[in-house]
Amino acid sequence: MSNNAMVSRIENDRVLVLERVFDAPRDLVFKMFKEAEHLKRWWGPRGFEVTVCNVDFRPGGVWHYCMKCVDQNLGQFYGMESWGKAVYKEIVESETIIYTDYFSDAEGNSNDSMPSTEVTMEFIDLDGKTKLVSRGEYVSAEAVKTVMDMGMLQGITETWDRLEETLNEFK
């Protein structure tokens, strides 16, 4: 693993910005976000695996997935399923993905009791490496607090660690 730790900050009380540099070309990092076969290998925190992953990678398309806890060491989370849905708004190949991220159920219905997120992901070429910048805009500071209290920052850190491990397999 590289020494490129994730950097996070909150802007304007409701925008969570995450940044990390991956030692892989931009096209490859981007590809990891657009194809189900790749997402299934790394999406989710440690101890979870993606059991359902349907991707329609185009503006207006939907990514619907289920992460299931398969690690008995995670105690109360073992066996838990977490469903999510992303609706793509804009895609610029190898550069940008903009989508709305929702908690959902198995049928793809959004869970309106949980905050949705407007996400803009930028893939920046750094001479063979890639800086990934994710900006998640929430409706309020309370919504940011809700997801932070759920452990989202630790979860996304572990997810991006798994992404890096997957990218390393392509070297």
N, C-alpha and C. Protein backbone atom coordinates (compact mmCIF):
# COMPACT_ATOMS: atom_id res chain seq x y z
N MET A 1 0.84 -1.18 0.00
CA MET A 1 0.00 0.00 0.00
C MET A 1 0.89 1.25 0.00
N SER A 2 0.42 2.27 -0.63
CA SER A 2 1.21 3.50 -0.70
C SER A 2 1.07 4.29 0.58
N ASN A 3 1.82 5.37 0.65
CA ASN A 3 1.71 6.27 1.80
C ASN A 3 0.69 7.37 1.53
N ASN A 4 -0.13 7.19 0.52
CA ASN A 4 -1.09 8.21 0.12
C ASN A 4 -2.38 8.05 0.91
N ALA A 5 -2.38 8.55 2.12
CA ALA A 5 -3.56 8.45 2.97
C ALA A 5 -4.65 9.38 2.45
N MET A 6 -5.86 9.02 2.79
CA MET A 6 -6.98 9.85 2.40
C MET A 6 -7.00 11.11 3.26
N VAL A 7 -7.32 12.21 2.62
CA VAL A 7 -7.48 13.49 3.31
C VAL A 7 -8.97 13.83 3.26
N SER A 8 -9.51 14.24 4.39
CA SER A 8 -10.92 14.61 4.40
C SER A 8 -11.10 15.96 5.09
N ARG A 9 -12.14 16.67 4.64
CA ARG A 9 -12.49 17.94 5.26
C ARG A 9 -13.95 18.22 4.98
N ILE A 10 -14.53 19.07 5.79
CA ILE A 10 -15.91 19.49 5.58
C ILE A 10 -15.90 20.96 5.22
N GLU A 11 -16.56 21.27 4.09
CA GLU A 11 -16.67 22.66 3.64
C GLU A 11 -18.11 23.12 3.81
N ASN A 12 -18.29 24.36 4.22
CA ASN A 12 -19.62 24.97 4.34
C ASN A 12 -20.59 24.14 5.16
N ASP A 13 -20.10 23.41 6.13
CA ASP A 13 -20.89 22.60 7.06
C ASP A 13 -21.64 21.42 6.42
N ARG A 14 -21.66 21.33 5.08
CA ARG A 14 -22.47 20.26 4.49
C ARG A 14 -21.86 19.60 3.26
N VAL A 15 -20.59 19.88 2.99
CA VAL A 15 -19.90 19.23 1.87
C VAL A 15 -18.70 18.47 2.43
N LEU A 16 -18.73 17.15 2.26
CA LEU A 16 -17.63 16.31 2.70
C LEU A 16 -16.71 16.08 1.50
N VAL A 17 -15.46 16.53 1.63
CA VAL A 17 -14.48 16.39 0.56
C VAL A 17 -13.46 15.33 0.97
N LEU A 18 -13.28 14.35 0.09
CA LEU A 18 -12.30 13.27 0.31
C LEU A 18 -11.32 13.29 -0.84
N GLU A 19 -10.03 13.18 -0.53
CA GLU A 19 -8.99 13.18 -1.56
C GLU A 19 -7.98 12.09 -1.26
N ARG A 20 -7.52 11.46 -2.35
CA ARG A 20 -6.46 10.46 -2.19
C ARG A 20 -5.77 10.29 -3.53
N VAL A 21 -4.47 10.05 -3.48
CA VAL A 21 -3.70 9.78 -4.69
C VAL A 21 -3.46 8.28 -4.77
N PHE A 22 -3.79 7.72 -5.94
CA PHE A 22 -3.58 6.30 -6.20
C PHE A 22 -2.44 6.15 -7.20
N ASP A 23 -1.59 5.16 -6.97
CA ASP A 23 -0.45 4.91 -7.84
C ASP A 23 -0.90 4.03 -9.00
N ALA A 24 -1.76 4.62 -9.83
CA ALA A 24 -2.31 3.92 -11.00
C ALA A 24 -2.78 4.97 -12.00
N PRO A 25 -2.77 4.61 -13.29
CA PRO A 25 -3.21 5.57 -14.31
C PRO A 25 -4.70 5.92 -14.16
N ARG A 26 -5.02 7.12 -14.56
CA ARG A 26 -6.38 7.65 -14.42
C ARG A 26 -7.41 6.75 -15.10
N ASP A 27 -7.13 6.28 -16.32
CA ASP A 27 -8.10 5.43 -17.02
C ASP A 27 -8.44 4.17 -16.23
N LEU A 28 -7.43 3.59 -15.58
CA LEU A 28 -7.66 2.38 -14.79
C LEU A 28 -8.48 2.68 -13.54
N VAL A 29 -8.16 3.75 -12.84
CA VAL A 29 -8.92 4.11 -11.63
C VAL A 29 -10.38 4.38 -12.02
N PHE A 30 -10.59 5.11 -13.10
CA PHE A 30 -11.95 5.40 -13.56
C PHE A 30 -12.70 4.11 -13.89
N LYS A 31 -12.03 3.18 -14.56
CA LYS A 31 -12.64 1.91 -14.95
C LYS A 31 -13.14 1.14 -13.73
N MET A 32 -12.46 1.27 -12.60
CA MET A 32 -12.86 0.57 -11.38
C MET A 32 -14.23 1.02 -10.87
N PHE A 33 -14.64 2.23 -11.27
CA PHE A 33 -15.92 2.78 -10.83
C PHE A 33 -17.05 2.54 -11.81
N LYS A 34 -16.75 2.06 -13.00
CA LYS A 34 -17.79 1.96 -14.01
C LYS A 34 -18.21 0.54 -14.36
N GLU A 35 -17.47 -0.46 -13.92
CA GLU A 35 -17.77 -1.83 -14.29
C GLU A 35 -18.06 -2.68 -13.06
N ALA A 36 -19.20 -3.39 -13.11
CA ALA A 36 -19.64 -4.21 -11.97
C ALA A 36 -18.57 -5.22 -11.55
N GLU A 37 -17.90 -5.83 -12.53
CA GLU A 37 -16.90 -6.86 -12.20
C GLU A 37 -15.79 -6.29 -11.32
N HIS A 38 -15.46 -5.02 -11.49
CA HIS A 38 -14.43 -4.40 -10.66
C HIS A 38 -15.01 -3.93 -9.33
N LEU A 39 -16.15 -3.27 -9.36
CA LEU A 39 -16.77 -2.78 -8.13
C LEU A 39 -16.99 -3.91 -7.12
N LYS A 40 -17.36 -5.07 -7.59
CA LYS A 40 -17.61 -6.20 -6.69
C LYS A 40 -16.36 -6.62 -5.93
N ARG A 41 -15.19 -6.30 -6.48
CA ARG A 41 -13.94 -6.73 -5.86
C ARG A 41 -13.50 -5.82 -4.71
N TRP A 42 -13.95 -4.54 -4.72
CA TRP A 42 -13.37 -3.62 -3.73
C TRP A 42 -14.39 -2.74 -3.01
N TRP A 43 -15.61 -2.64 -3.49
CA TRP A 43 -16.56 -1.70 -2.89
C TRP A 43 -16.96 -2.17 -1.50
N GLY A 44 -16.93 -1.27 -0.55
CA GLY A 44 -17.37 -1.55 0.82
C GLY A 44 -16.22 -1.68 1.78
N PRO A 45 -16.53 -1.51 3.07
CA PRO A 45 -15.49 -1.63 4.10
C PRO A 45 -15.04 -3.08 4.25
N ARG A 46 -13.93 -3.25 4.95
CA ARG A 46 -13.40 -4.60 5.18
C ARG A 46 -14.46 -5.43 5.91
N GLY A 47 -14.53 -6.69 5.51
CA GLY A 47 -15.50 -7.60 6.13
C GLY A 47 -16.83 -7.64 5.40
N PHE A 48 -16.99 -6.80 4.38
CA PHE A 48 -18.21 -6.79 3.58
C PHE A 48 -17.89 -7.24 2.17
N GLU A 49 -18.84 -7.89 1.54
CA GLU A 49 -18.69 -8.20 0.12
C GLU A 49 -19.96 -7.76 -0.60
N VAL A 50 -19.78 -7.44 -1.87
CA VAL A 50 -20.90 -7.00 -2.69
C VAL A 50 -21.58 -8.25 -3.25
N THR A 51 -22.83 -8.46 -2.85
CA THR A 51 -23.56 -9.66 -3.28
C THR A 51 -24.47 -9.37 -4.48
N VAL A 52 -24.83 -8.11 -4.66
CA VAL A 52 -25.62 -7.68 -5.81
C VAL A 52 -24.96 -6.42 -6.35
N CYS A 53 -24.75 -6.36 -7.67
CA CYS A 53 -24.11 -5.18 -8.27
C CYS A 53 -24.59 -5.04 -9.71
N ASN A 54 -25.57 -4.19 -9.90
CA ASN A 54 -26.11 -3.92 -11.23
C ASN A 54 -25.75 -2.49 -11.61
N VAL A 55 -25.01 -2.34 -12.71
CA VAL A 55 -24.50 -1.03 -13.13
C VAL A 55 -25.00 -0.71 -14.54
N ASP A 56 -25.67 0.42 -14.66
CA ASP A 56 -26.04 0.99 -15.97
C ASP A 56 -25.33 2.34 -16.04
N PHE A 57 -24.07 2.28 -16.49
CA PHE A 57 -23.15 3.43 -16.40
C PHE A 57 -23.37 4.40 -17.56
N ARG A 58 -24.33 5.28 -17.37
CA ARG A 58 -24.65 6.34 -18.34
C ARG A 58 -25.49 7.38 -17.60
N PRO A 59 -25.52 8.62 -18.08
CA PRO A 59 -26.39 9.62 -17.46
C PRO A 59 -27.83 9.11 -17.46
N GLY A 60 -28.46 9.15 -16.29
CA GLY A 60 -29.80 8.61 -16.12
C GLY A 60 -29.80 7.16 -15.71
N GLY A 61 -28.67 6.49 -15.83
CA GLY A 61 -28.55 5.09 -15.44
C GLY A 61 -28.43 4.95 -13.93
N VAL A 62 -28.61 3.72 -13.46
CA VAL A 62 -28.61 3.45 -12.03
C VAL A 62 -27.59 2.36 -11.70
N TRP A 63 -26.92 2.55 -10.58
CA TRP A 63 -26.09 1.51 -9.98
C TRP A 63 -26.80 1.11 -8.70
N HIS A 64 -27.22 -0.15 -8.62
CA HIS A 64 -27.92 -0.67 -7.45
C HIS A 64 -27.10 -1.83 -6.90
N TYR A 65 -26.84 -1.80 -5.60
CA TYR A 65 -25.94 -2.81 -5.04
C TYR A 65 -26.33 -3.17 -3.61
N CYS A 66 -25.79 -4.29 -3.17
CA CYS A 66 -25.95 -4.73 -1.79
C CYS A 66 -24.59 -5.11 -1.24
N MET A 67 -24.25 -4.56 -0.08
CA MET A 67 -23.06 -4.97 0.65
C MET A 67 -23.53 -5.82 1.83
N LYS A 68 -22.92 -6.98 2.00
CA LYS A 68 -23.29 -7.86 3.10
C LYS A 68 -22.08 -8.12 3.97
N CYS A 69 -22.27 -8.01 5.29
CA CYS A 69 -21.18 -8.29 6.22
C CYS A 69 -20.97 -9.79 6.31
N VAL A 70 -19.77 -10.23 5.95
CA VAL A 70 -19.45 -11.66 5.95
C VAL A 70 -18.38 -12.01 7.00
N ASP A 71 -17.99 -11.04 7.80
CA ASP A 71 -16.94 -11.24 8.80
C ASP A 71 -17.58 -11.38 10.19
N GLN A 72 -17.51 -12.59 10.73
CA GLN A 72 -18.10 -12.84 12.05
C GLN A 72 -17.46 -11.99 13.14
N ASN A 73 -16.22 -11.55 12.92
CA ASN A 73 -15.54 -10.71 13.91
C ASN A 73 -16.16 -9.33 14.04
N LEU A 74 -17.04 -8.97 13.12
CA LEU A 74 -17.69 -7.65 13.19
C LEU A 74 -18.98 -7.70 14.02
N GLY A 75 -19.14 -8.79 14.76
CA GLY A 75 -20.20 -8.89 15.77
C GLY A 75 -21.60 -8.60 15.26
N GLN A 76 -22.19 -7.53 15.78
CA GLN A 76 -23.59 -7.22 15.49
C GLN A 76 -23.84 -6.93 14.01
N PHE A 77 -22.79 -6.63 13.26
CA PHE A 77 -22.96 -6.33 11.84
C PHE A 77 -22.98 -7.60 10.98
N TYR A 78 -22.49 -8.73 11.55
CA TYR A 78 -22.40 -9.97 10.78
C TYR A 78 -23.78 -10.33 10.21
N GLY A 79 -23.80 -10.58 8.89
CA GLY A 79 -25.03 -10.95 8.21
C GLY A 79 -25.88 -9.78 7.75
N MET A 80 -25.54 -8.58 8.21
CA MET A 80 -26.31 -7.39 7.85
C MET A 80 -26.12 -7.06 6.37
N GLU A 81 -27.21 -6.67 5.73
CA GLU A 81 -27.16 -6.20 4.35
C GLU A 81 -27.38 -4.69 4.33
N SER A 82 -26.62 -4.03 3.49
CA SER A 82 -26.77 -2.59 3.30
C SER A 82 -26.93 -2.33 1.80
N TRP A 83 -28.10 -1.85 1.44
CA TRP A 83 -28.41 -1.59 0.03
C TRP A 83 -28.18 -0.14 -0.30
N GLY A 84 -27.69 0.10 -1.51
CA GLY A 84 -27.47 1.46 -1.97
C GLY A 84 -27.85 1.61 -3.43
N LYS A 85 -28.06 2.85 -3.81
CA LYS A 85 -28.43 3.14 -5.20
C LYS A 85 -27.82 4.48 -5.58
N ALA A 86 -27.21 4.51 -6.75
CA ALA A 86 -26.68 5.75 -7.31
C ALA A 86 -27.39 5.99 -8.64
N VAL A 87 -27.80 7.24 -8.86
CA VAL A 87 -28.39 7.63 -10.14
C VAL A 87 -27.40 8.59 -10.80
N TYR A 88 -26.83 8.16 -11.92
CA TYR A 88 -25.81 8.96 -12.60
C TYR A 88 -26.44 10.18 -13.28
N LYS A 89 -25.80 11.33 -13.07
CA LYS A 89 -26.28 12.57 -13.67
C LYS A 89 -25.40 13.00 -14.84
N GLU A 90 -24.09 12.88 -14.65
CA GLU A 90 -23.16 13.30 -15.69
C GLU A 90 -21.91 12.43 -15.61
N ILE A 91 -21.39 12.06 -16.79
CA ILE A 91 -20.18 11.26 -16.86
C ILE A 91 -19.30 11.83 -17.97
N VAL A 92 -18.06 12.14 -17.62
CA VAL A 92 -17.06 12.52 -18.61
C VAL A 92 -15.97 11.46 -18.50
N GLU A 93 -15.87 10.62 -19.52
CA GLU A 93 -14.98 9.46 -19.48
C GLU A 93 -13.59 9.82 -18.95
N SER A 94 -13.16 9.07 -17.95
CA SER A 94 -11.85 9.17 -17.29
C SER A 94 -11.64 10.47 -16.51
N GLU A 95 -12.66 11.33 -16.44
CA GLU A 95 -12.48 12.62 -15.75
C GLU A 95 -13.45 12.85 -14.59
N THR A 96 -14.74 12.63 -14.83
CA THR A 96 -15.74 13.03 -13.84
C THR A 96 -16.92 12.06 -13.82
N ILE A 97 -17.42 11.79 -12.62
CA ILE A 97 -18.68 11.09 -12.44
C ILE A 97 -19.49 11.91 -11.44
N ILE A 98 -20.70 12.29 -11.83
CA ILE A 98 -21.59 13.02 -10.93
C ILE A 98 -22.85 12.16 -10.76
N TYR A 99 -23.22 11.93 -9.51
CA TYR A 99 -24.40 11.09 -9.25
C TYR A 99 -25.03 11.47 -7.92
N THR A 100 -26.28 11.03 -7.76
CA THR A 100 -26.96 11.15 -6.48
C THR A 100 -26.92 9.78 -5.83
N ASP A 101 -26.48 9.74 -4.58
CA ASP A 101 -26.29 8.50 -3.84
C ASP A 101 -27.39 8.38 -2.79
N TYR A 102 -28.05 7.23 -2.76
CA TYR A 102 -29.16 6.99 -1.83
C TYR A 102 -28.93 5.70 -1.06
N PHE A 103 -29.44 5.65 0.15
CA PHE A 103 -29.65 4.37 0.82
C PHE A 103 -30.93 3.82 0.18
N SER A 104 -31.00 2.51 -0.01
CA SER A 104 -32.18 1.96 -0.66
C SER A 104 -32.54 0.61 -0.06
N ASP A 105 -33.60 0.02 -0.64
CA ASP A 105 -33.95 -1.35 -0.27
C ASP A 105 -33.61 -2.27 -1.44
N ALA A 106 -33.93 -3.54 -1.30
CA ALA A 106 -33.56 -4.53 -2.32
C ALA A 106 -34.25 -4.27 -3.65
N GLU A 107 -35.37 -3.58 -3.63
CA GLU A 107 -36.09 -3.28 -4.87
C GLU A 107 -35.60 -1.98 -5.51
N GLY A 108 -34.70 -1.27 -4.85
CA GLY A 108 -34.18 -0.03 -5.40
C GLY A 108 -34.95 1.21 -4.99
N ASN A 109 -35.89 1.05 -4.05
CA ASN A 109 -36.62 2.22 -3.55
C ASN A 109 -35.72 2.99 -2.58
N SER A 110 -35.64 4.29 -2.75
CA SER A 110 -34.81 5.13 -1.88
C SER A 110 -35.36 5.14 -0.47
N ASN A 111 -34.45 5.14 0.50
CA ASN A 111 -34.83 5.24 1.91
C ASN A 111 -34.82 6.72 2.28
N ASP A 112 -35.98 7.33 2.31
CA ASP A 112 -36.07 8.77 2.55
C ASP A 112 -35.77 9.17 3.98
N SER A 113 -35.64 8.20 4.89
CA SER A 113 -35.30 8.54 6.28
C SER A 113 -33.79 8.72 6.45
N MET A 114 -33.04 8.38 5.40
CA MET A 114 -31.58 8.55 5.43
C MET A 114 -31.19 9.62 4.42
N PRO A 115 -30.12 10.36 4.71
CA PRO A 115 -29.73 11.45 3.80
C PRO A 115 -29.18 10.94 2.47
N SER A 116 -29.61 11.58 1.40
CA SER A 116 -29.00 11.32 0.10
C SER A 116 -27.81 12.27 -0.05
N THR A 117 -26.98 12.00 -1.06
CA THR A 117 -25.77 12.79 -1.27
C THR A 117 -25.62 13.10 -2.74
N GLU A 118 -25.30 14.35 -3.04
CA GLU A 118 -24.94 14.73 -4.41
C GLU A 118 -23.42 14.60 -4.50
N VAL A 119 -22.95 13.64 -5.29
CA VAL A 119 -21.53 13.31 -5.32
C VAL A 119 -20.92 13.72 -6.67
N THR A 120 -19.78 14.41 -6.58
CA THR A 120 -18.97 14.71 -7.76
C THR A 120 -17.60 14.09 -7.54
N MET A 121 -17.23 13.18 -8.42
CA MET A 121 -15.93 12.54 -8.33
C MET A 121 -15.08 13.02 -9.50
N GLU A 122 -13.90 13.53 -9.14
CA GLU A 122 -12.94 14.01 -10.14
C GLU A 122 -11.74 13.09 -10.15
N PHE A 123 -11.29 12.71 -11.34
CA PHE A 123 -10.13 11.86 -11.53
C PHE A 123 -9.06 12.72 -12.21
N ILE A 124 -8.01 13.06 -11.47
CA ILE A 124 -7.00 14.00 -11.94
C ILE A 124 -5.71 13.26 -12.24
N ASP A 125 -5.23 13.39 -13.47
CA ASP A 125 -4.00 12.73 -13.90
C ASP A 125 -2.79 13.45 -13.30
N LEU A 126 -1.95 12.68 -12.60
CA LEU A 126 -0.71 13.21 -12.03
C LEU A 126 0.47 12.40 -12.55
N ASP A 127 0.76 12.51 -13.84
CA ASP A 127 1.89 11.80 -14.45
C ASP A 127 1.90 10.32 -14.10
N GLY A 128 0.83 9.62 -14.43
CA GLY A 128 0.77 8.19 -14.20
C GLY A 128 0.10 7.78 -12.91
N LYS A 129 -0.06 8.73 -12.00
CA LYS A 129 -0.83 8.49 -10.79
C LYS A 129 -2.17 9.20 -10.95
N THR A 130 -3.09 8.95 -10.03
CA THR A 130 -4.41 9.57 -10.12
C THR A 130 -4.82 10.14 -8.78
N LYS A 131 -5.16 11.42 -8.80
CA LYS A 131 -5.74 12.04 -7.61
C LYS A 131 -7.25 11.94 -7.74
N LEU A 132 -7.86 11.28 -6.79
CA LEU A 132 -9.31 11.14 -6.76
C LEU A 132 -9.86 12.13 -5.74
N VAL A 133 -10.76 12.99 -6.18
CA VAL A 133 -11.40 13.96 -5.30
C VAL A 133 -12.90 13.70 -5.35
N SER A 134 -13.45 13.37 -4.19
CA SER A 134 -14.89 13.13 -4.07
C SER A 134 -15.49 14.24 -3.21
N ARG A 135 -16.50 14.92 -3.78
CA ARG A 135 -17.21 15.97 -3.05
C ARG A 135 -18.65 15.51 -2.86
N GLY A 136 -19.01 15.23 -1.61
CA GLY A 136 -20.37 14.79 -1.29
C GLY A 136 -21.13 15.92 -0.62
N GLU A 137 -22.14 16.43 -1.32
CA GLU A 137 -22.93 17.54 -0.77
C GLU A 137 -24.22 17.02 -0.16
N TYR A 138 -24.43 17.38 1.09
CA TYR A 138 -25.61 16.96 1.84
C TYR A 138 -26.55 18.14 2.01
N VAL A 139 -27.80 17.84 2.33
CA VAL A 139 -28.82 18.88 2.44
C VAL A 139 -28.58 19.78 3.66
N SER A 140 -27.86 19.27 4.68
CA SER A 140 -27.66 20.05 5.90
C SER A 140 -26.45 19.53 6.67
N ALA A 141 -26.01 20.32 7.64
CA ALA A 141 -24.94 19.89 8.53
C ALA A 141 -25.38 18.67 9.34
N GLU A 142 -26.67 18.60 9.68
CA GLU A 142 -27.20 17.46 10.43
C GLU A 142 -27.08 16.17 9.62
N ALA A 143 -27.31 16.27 8.31
CA ALA A 143 -27.19 15.09 7.45
C ALA A 143 -25.74 14.60 7.42
N VAL A 144 -24.79 15.52 7.36
CA VAL A 144 -23.37 15.14 7.41
C VAL A 144 -23.08 14.43 8.72
N LYS A 145 -23.57 14.98 9.81
CA LYS A 145 -23.35 14.38 11.13
C LYS A 145 -23.95 12.98 11.20
N THR A 146 -25.11 12.79 10.61
CA THR A 146 -25.76 11.48 10.61
C THR A 146 -24.86 10.42 9.98
N VAL A 147 -24.32 10.70 8.79
CA VAL A 147 -23.49 9.69 8.13
C VAL A 147 -22.13 9.54 8.82
N MET A 148 -21.60 10.62 9.36
CA MET A 148 -20.33 10.53 10.08
C MET A 148 -20.50 9.68 11.34
N ASP A 149 -21.62 9.87 12.04
CA ASP A 149 -21.89 9.09 13.24
C ASP A 149 -22.09 7.61 12.94
N MET A 150 -22.48 7.30 11.71
CA MET A 150 -22.66 5.91 11.29
C MET A 150 -21.32 5.24 10.99
N GLY A 151 -20.23 6.00 10.98
CA GLY A 151 -18.92 5.44 10.67
C GLY A 151 -18.56 5.49 9.20
N MET A 152 -19.22 6.37 8.46
CA MET A 152 -19.00 6.46 7.03
C MET A 152 -17.55 6.77 6.68
N LEU A 153 -16.89 7.63 7.44
CA LEU A 153 -15.50 7.99 7.11
C LEU A 153 -14.58 6.78 7.22
N GLN A 154 -14.73 5.99 8.27
CA GLN A 154 -13.94 4.77 8.39
C GLN A 154 -14.28 3.82 7.25
N GLY A 155 -15.55 3.70 6.93
CA GLY A 155 -15.99 2.80 5.86
C GLY A 155 -15.41 3.18 4.51
N ILE A 156 -15.43 4.47 4.18
CA ILE A 156 -14.91 4.89 2.87
C ILE A 156 -13.38 4.79 2.85
N THR A 157 -12.74 5.02 3.99
CA THR A 157 -11.28 4.86 4.06
C THR A 157 -10.91 3.41 3.76
N GLU A 158 -11.61 2.46 4.39
CA GLU A 158 -11.34 1.05 4.14
C GLU A 158 -11.68 0.67 2.70
N THR A 159 -12.75 1.26 2.16
CA THR A 159 -13.16 1.00 0.78
C THR A 159 -12.07 1.45 -0.18
N TRP A 160 -11.54 2.66 0.04
CA TRP A 160 -10.49 3.16 -0.85
C TRP A 160 -9.18 2.40 -0.64
N ASP A 161 -8.93 1.87 0.57
CA ASP A 161 -7.78 0.99 0.77
C ASP A 161 -7.94 -0.27 -0.09
N ARG A 162 -9.15 -0.81 -0.11
CA ARG A 162 -9.43 -2.00 -0.92
C ARG A 162 -9.30 -1.68 -2.42
N LEU A 163 -9.71 -0.48 -2.81
CA LEU A 163 -9.52 -0.05 -4.20
C LEU A 163 -8.04 -0.05 -4.55
N GLU A 164 -7.23 0.52 -3.67
CA GLU A 164 -5.79 0.55 -3.93
C GLU A 164 -5.22 -0.85 -4.05
N GLU A 165 -5.64 -1.76 -3.19
CA GLU A 165 -5.16 -3.14 -3.25
C GLU A 165 -5.55 -3.78 -4.59
N THR A 166 -6.77 -3.50 -5.06
CA THR A 166 -7.22 -4.03 -6.34
C THR A 166 -6.41 -3.43 -7.49
N LEU A 167 -6.17 -2.14 -7.43
CA LEU A 167 -5.35 -1.48 -8.46
C LEU A 167 -3.95 -2.09 -8.51
N ASN A 168 -3.40 -2.42 -7.35
CA ASN A 168 -2.05 -3.00 -7.30
C ASN A 168 -1.98 -4.35 -8.02
N GLU A 169 -3.10 -5.05 -8.12
CA GLU A 169 -3.12 -6.33 -8.82
C GLU A 169 -2.94 -6.15 -10.33
N PHE A 170 -3.15 -4.94 -10.83
CA PHE A 170 -3.01 -4.66 -12.26
C PHE A 170 -1.62 -4.20 -12.65
N LYS A 171 -0.73 -4.07 -11.66
CA LYS A 171 0.63 -3.60 -11.94
C LYS A 171 1.49 -4.69 -12.51
